[in-house]
């Protein structure tokens, strides 16, 4: 004859499962954040706030250049 688990035990397990999921999700988020800090990924969106070109968000696309294309230059860091 099996006994039913008490409601307290079920709630305790549920809290542990939720806590593990929360910790795993937080660890994954921190890992991705740390990766971007160390890896220096290439940007694919750039916000232009200067008056040299129309202000706005620009998508960076690799490919052949044509006359009149805008180019992005990143100066070296010292």
Foldseek 3Di string as FASTA:
>chain_A
DDDDDDPVVVVVVVVVVVVVVVVVVVVVVVVVVVCCVPVVDDDQKDADPDPPDDGDIDGDDDDDDDPPDDDDDDDDDD
